[in-house]
Amino acid sequence: MRIFLGLDDTDILGSPGTNQIAMALAIKLKEIGIETTMILRHQLWYDPRVPYTSKNGSASMQLECKGPIDFQTLAGFCKEFLLSHFVEGSDPGLCLATEDQAKSLISHGWRTTGEWVNPAEAIEKAKVSGCLLWSIAGRDHGIVGALAAVGLAASGEQGRVVFHQSGYGEIRGLISVEKLLEFGVLVIEESSQMLVSNGVVDLVKKLRPNIREQKVVLYVEKGLELNSWMALKRN
């Protein structure tokens, strides 16, 4: 059974960001037998009218359960975790959805990438879809992004990979295209949209691929040397 979990507004300046909170939650979920297969960072509408800590990103987690799971119990576990990591001034939003529920939220997710979405709309969308949506501080800042993260993750078309079960998370520096392919990462030259099959990629910082068409892809541009590539950071 695949479950989609969305998080937003978990931090303030100087505190661990939402991606780090998601990683920590993944570790705790593993203790109760729930595996996190992927964590994505989603870019929402970047506008001064929207309250955010840095660049208005939210996080989604895709969870795998081998057996049936009670959503209320899982929600309670996640809520307790967020409460234990609560930072005064933040307003964490949490969303839990089945795969079908998440797919019904795809259009809502895309809306939040380009326009203002009222928290009341998010609450109504959650009710219609049947998913669980919760705000920790009652100001409802985080629920819009948490709900959007679930829909965007289900679309398979938006997000930057923060964690993947394949285990390539902290790779830095230079890496061969062949090695990336072994990890299941497709390397695509952005300008031509052509698949790259060989060469060496300079990751610049660390491996930060994206999700497109349900696949993990790394966009690159040609480097200065023959058969060399430079990784591009994209949302």
Protein backbone atom coordinates (compact mmCIF):
# COMPACT_ATOMS: atom_id res chain seq x y z
CA MET A 1 0.00 0.00 0.00
CA ARG A 2 1.40 3.39 -1.00
CA ILE A 3 0.66 6.43 1.15
CA PHE A 4 1.42 10.06 0.35
CA LEU A 5 2.37 12.41 3.19
CA GLY A 6 2.71 16.17 2.80
CA LEU A 7 4.49 18.63 5.12
CA ASP A 8 4.79 22.41 5.07
CA ASP A 9 5.68 25.39 7.30
CA THR A 10 7.55 23.30 9.86
CA ASP A 11 10.36 25.79 10.43
CA ILE A 12 11.49 29.35 11.03
CA LEU A 13 14.75 31.02 10.04
CA GLY A 14 17.62 29.32 11.83
CA SER A 15 15.78 26.06 12.56
CA PRO A 16 15.94 22.73 10.68
CA GLY A 17 14.04 23.04 7.40
CA THR A 18 11.06 21.01 6.24
CA ASN A 19 13.26 18.63 4.23
CA GLN A 20 15.28 17.81 7.36
CA ILE A 21 12.10 17.30 9.36
CA ALA A 22 10.86 14.90 6.67
CA MET A 23 14.13 12.95 6.81
CA ALA A 24 13.90 12.68 10.60
CA LEU A 25 10.28 11.54 10.36
CA ALA A 26 11.30 8.86 7.85
CA ILE A 27 13.70 7.42 10.43
CA LYS A 28 10.96 7.28 13.08
CA LEU A 29 8.45 5.71 10.67
CA LYS A 30 10.93 2.95 9.85
CA GLU A 31 10.88 2.00 13.55
CA ILE A 32 7.19 1.08 13.19
CA GLY A 33 7.67 -0.80 9.93
CA ILE A 34 6.79 1.94 7.44
CA GLU A 35 9.38 2.53 4.72
CA THR A 36 9.89 5.88 3.03
CA THR A 37 10.65 5.29 -0.64
CA MET A 38 11.10 8.92 -1.67
CA ILE A 39 11.07 12.47 -0.29
CA LEU A 40 10.53 15.35 -2.70
CA ARG A 41 10.92 19.08 -2.31
CA HIS A 42 8.17 20.99 -4.16
CA GLN A 43 8.34 24.61 -5.24
CA LEU A 44 5.11 26.49 -4.58
CA TRP A 45 4.10 30.01 -5.62
CA TYR A 46 7.06 32.27 -4.84
CA ASP A 47 5.40 35.58 -4.01
CA PRO A 48 5.77 38.03 -1.08
CA ARG A 49 2.03 37.73 -0.36
CA VAL A 50 2.54 34.10 0.65
CA PRO A 51 3.98 33.44 4.15
CA TYR A 52 7.12 31.30 3.92
CA THR A 53 10.51 30.91 5.60
CA SER A 54 12.86 31.11 2.61
CA LYS A 55 11.60 30.13 -0.86
CA ASN A 56 8.14 28.62 -0.22
CA GLY A 57 8.86 24.95 -0.68
CA SER A 58 6.94 22.04 0.80
CA ALA A 59 7.86 18.37 1.13
CA SER A 60 6.17 15.12 0.19
CA MET A 61 6.98 11.63 1.46
CA GLN A 62 5.96 8.44 -0.32
CA LEU A 63 5.48 5.61 2.16
CA GLU A 64 5.21 1.86 1.62
CA CYS A 65 3.27 -0.34 4.04
CA LYS A 66 3.45 -4.10 3.64
CA GLY A 67 0.17 -4.63 5.44
CA PRO A 68 -3.01 -2.65 6.17
CA ILE A 69 -2.51 0.55 8.13
CA ASP A 70 -4.97 2.59 10.19
CA PHE A 71 -4.77 6.16 8.93
CA GLN A 72 -5.86 7.67 12.21
CA THR A 73 -3.11 5.78 14.06
CA LEU A 74 -0.51 6.83 11.48
CA ALA A 75 -1.74 10.43 11.60
CA GLY A 76 -1.48 10.39 15.39
CA PHE A 77 2.09 9.11 15.19
CA CYS A 78 3.08 11.84 12.71
CA LYS A 79 1.29 14.56 14.68
CA GLU A 80 3.11 13.54 17.85
CA PHE A 81 6.41 13.68 15.98
CA LEU A 82 5.67 17.17 14.63
CA LEU A 83 4.60 18.37 18.07
CA SER A 84 7.88 17.11 19.53
CA HIS A 85 9.77 19.12 16.87
CA PHE A 86 7.50 22.18 16.96
CA VAL A 87 9.27 25.53 16.59
CA GLU A 88 7.38 28.54 17.95
CA GLY A 89 6.47 30.82 15.05
CA SER A 90 5.91 28.00 12.57
CA ASP A 91 2.53 26.50 11.70
CA PRO A 92 3.11 22.95 10.41
CA GLY A 93 0.55 21.42 8.09
CA LEU A 94 0.26 17.65 7.69
CA CYS A 95 -1.59 15.74 4.97
CA LEU A 96 -2.05 11.97 4.62
CA ALA A 97 -3.63 10.48 1.52
CA THR A 98 -4.04 7.17 -0.27
CA GLU A 99 -2.78 6.99 -3.84
CA ASP A 100 -6.28 7.56 -5.27
CA GLN A 101 -6.89 10.50 -2.93
CA ALA A 102 -3.53 12.00 -3.85
CA LYS A 103 -4.28 11.73 -7.57
CA SER A 104 -7.53 13.63 -7.05
CA LEU A 105 -5.45 16.51 -5.65
CA ILE A 106 -3.09 16.90 -8.63
CA SER A 107 -4.87 19.95 -10.10
CA HIS A 108 -4.92 21.61 -6.67
CA GLY A 109 -1.20 20.99 -6.37
CA TRP A 110 -0.47 22.65 -9.69
CA ARG A 111 -2.64 25.66 -8.77
CA THR A 112 -0.48 26.38 -5.75
CA THR A 113 2.63 26.67 -7.95
CA GLY A 114 1.24 29.72 -9.74
CA GLU A 115 -1.38 31.50 -7.65
CA TRP A 116 -2.69 32.23 -4.17
CA VAL A 117 -4.81 29.44 -2.70
CA ASN A 118 -6.91 30.22 0.36
CA PRO A 119 -6.58 27.81 3.30
CA ALA A 120 -10.38 27.42 3.30
CA GLU A 121 -10.14 26.04 -0.25
CA ALA A 122 -7.53 23.53 0.87
CA ILE A 123 -9.73 22.40 3.75
CA GLU A 124 -12.66 21.91 1.38
CA LYS A 125 -10.48 20.03 -1.14
CA ALA A 126 -9.30 17.71 1.61
CA LYS A 127 -12.87 16.98 2.67
CA VAL A 128 -13.92 16.17 -0.89
CA SER A 129 -10.91 13.91 -1.48
CA GLY A 130 -11.28 12.14 1.88
CA CYS A 131 -7.64 12.69 2.88
CA LEU A 132 -6.51 13.81 6.34
CA LEU A 133 -5.37 17.42 6.73
CA TRP A 134 -4.21 18.99 9.98
CA SER A 135 -2.74 22.30 11.21
CA ILE A 136 -0.68 22.31 14.39
CA ALA A 137 -0.88 25.98 15.38
CA GLY A 138 -4.33 26.76 14.03
CA ARG A 139 -3.33 29.54 11.65
CA ASP A 140 -3.66 27.21 8.63
CA HIS A 141 -0.49 28.51 6.93
CA GLY A 142 0.97 25.05 6.38
CA ILE A 143 -2.09 23.11 5.23
CA VAL A 144 -2.13 24.62 1.73
CA GLY A 145 1.42 23.51 1.02
CA ALA A 146 1.00 20.13 2.72
CA LEU A 147 -2.03 19.33 0.57
CA ALA A 148 -0.29 20.65 -2.54
CA ALA A 149 2.77 18.48 -1.90
CA VAL A 150 0.62 15.35 -1.96
CA GLY A 151 -0.98 16.30 -5.27
CA LEU A 152 2.31 17.31 -6.90
CA ALA A 153 3.99 14.08 -5.78
CA ALA A 154 1.14 12.05 -7.26
CA SER A 155 1.51 13.88 -10.58
CA GLY A 156 5.04 12.49 -11.01
CA GLU A 157 5.94 15.69 -12.85
CA GLN A 158 7.28 18.09 -10.23
CA GLY A 159 9.73 18.00 -7.36
CA ARG A 160 13.40 17.72 -6.50
CA VAL A 161 14.55 14.45 -4.93
CA VAL A 162 15.71 14.91 -1.34
CA PHE A 163 15.82 11.21 -0.50
CA HIS A 164 15.47 8.03 -2.53
CA GLN A 165 15.40 4.43 -1.29
CA SER A 166 18.21 3.61 -3.75
CA GLY A 167 20.54 5.32 -1.28
CA TYR A 168 22.41 7.84 -3.44
CA GLY A 169 21.52 10.81 -1.24
CA GLU A 170 24.90 12.33 -0.33
CA ILE A 171 26.89 11.74 -3.52
CA ARG A 172 29.02 14.80 -4.31
CA GLY A 173 31.63 15.93 -6.83
CA LEU A 174 32.18 13.99 -10.05
CA ILE A 175 30.26 10.89 -11.08
CA SER A 176 30.00 8.91 -14.30
CA VAL A 177 26.79 8.85 -16.29
CA GLU A 178 26.97 5.07 -16.21
CA LYS A 179 26.95 5.09 -12.41
CA LEU A 180 23.94 7.39 -12.35
CA LEU A 181 22.11 5.02 -14.67
CA GLU A 182 22.88 2.18 -12.25
CA PHE A 183 21.12 4.23 -9.57
CA GLY A 184 18.13 4.62 -11.86
CA VAL A 185 18.81 8.30 -12.60
CA LEU A 186 18.31 9.33 -16.22
CA VAL A 187 20.70 12.06 -17.40
CA ILE A 188 19.15 14.53 -19.84
CA GLU A 189 20.78 17.42 -21.67
CA GLU A 190 18.34 20.21 -20.93
CA SER A 191 18.73 22.23 -24.12
CA SER A 192 18.15 19.30 -26.48
CA GLN A 193 16.13 17.06 -24.13
CA MET A 194 18.33 14.20 -25.35
CA LEU A 195 19.25 11.28 -23.11
CA VAL A 196 22.98 11.21 -22.19
CA SER A 197 24.50 7.72 -22.16
CA ASN A 198 28.13 8.33 -21.20
CA GLY A 199 30.60 10.84 -19.81
CA VAL A 200 31.32 12.43 -16.44
CA VAL A 201 28.93 14.75 -14.57
CA ASP A 202 30.06 17.50 -12.20
CA LEU A 203 27.31 17.56 -9.56
CA VAL A 204 28.53 21.03 -8.41
CA LYS A 205 27.30 20.39 -4.84
CA LYS A 206 25.48 17.10 -4.51
CA LEU A 207 23.14 14.90 -6.51
CA ARG A 208 19.79 16.71 -6.77
CA PRO A 209 17.71 15.09 -9.51
CA ASN A 210 14.08 15.81 -10.34
CA ILE A 211 10.91 13.85 -10.97
CA ARG A 212 9.52 13.98 -14.50
CA GLU A 213 7.03 11.53 -16.05
CA GLN A 214 7.32 9.39 -12.88
CA LYS A 215 11.06 9.02 -13.52
CA VAL A 216 14.12 10.35 -11.66
CA VAL A 217 16.05 12.64 -14.02
CA LEU A 218 19.12 14.85 -13.74
CA TYR A 219 19.29 17.80 -16.10
CA VAL A 220 22.75 18.74 -17.37
CA GLU A 221 24.50 21.07 -19.78
CA LYS A 222 27.72 20.49 -21.67
CA GLY A 223 30.95 21.09 -19.74
CA LEU A 224 34.23 22.56 -20.97
CA GLU A 225 35.93 19.21 -21.48
CA LEU A 226 35.05 16.53 -24.04
CA ASN A 227 32.29 14.26 -22.73
CA SER A 228 31.89 16.29 -19.56
CA TRP A 229 28.62 17.60 -18.15
CA MET A 230 27.50 20.09 -15.52
CA ALA A 231 24.47 19.25 -13.37
CA LEU A 232 21.66 21.82 -13.25
CA LYS A 233 19.56 22.49 -10.16
CA ARG A 234 15.90 22.57 -11.10
CA ASN A 235 12.64 22.52 -9.14
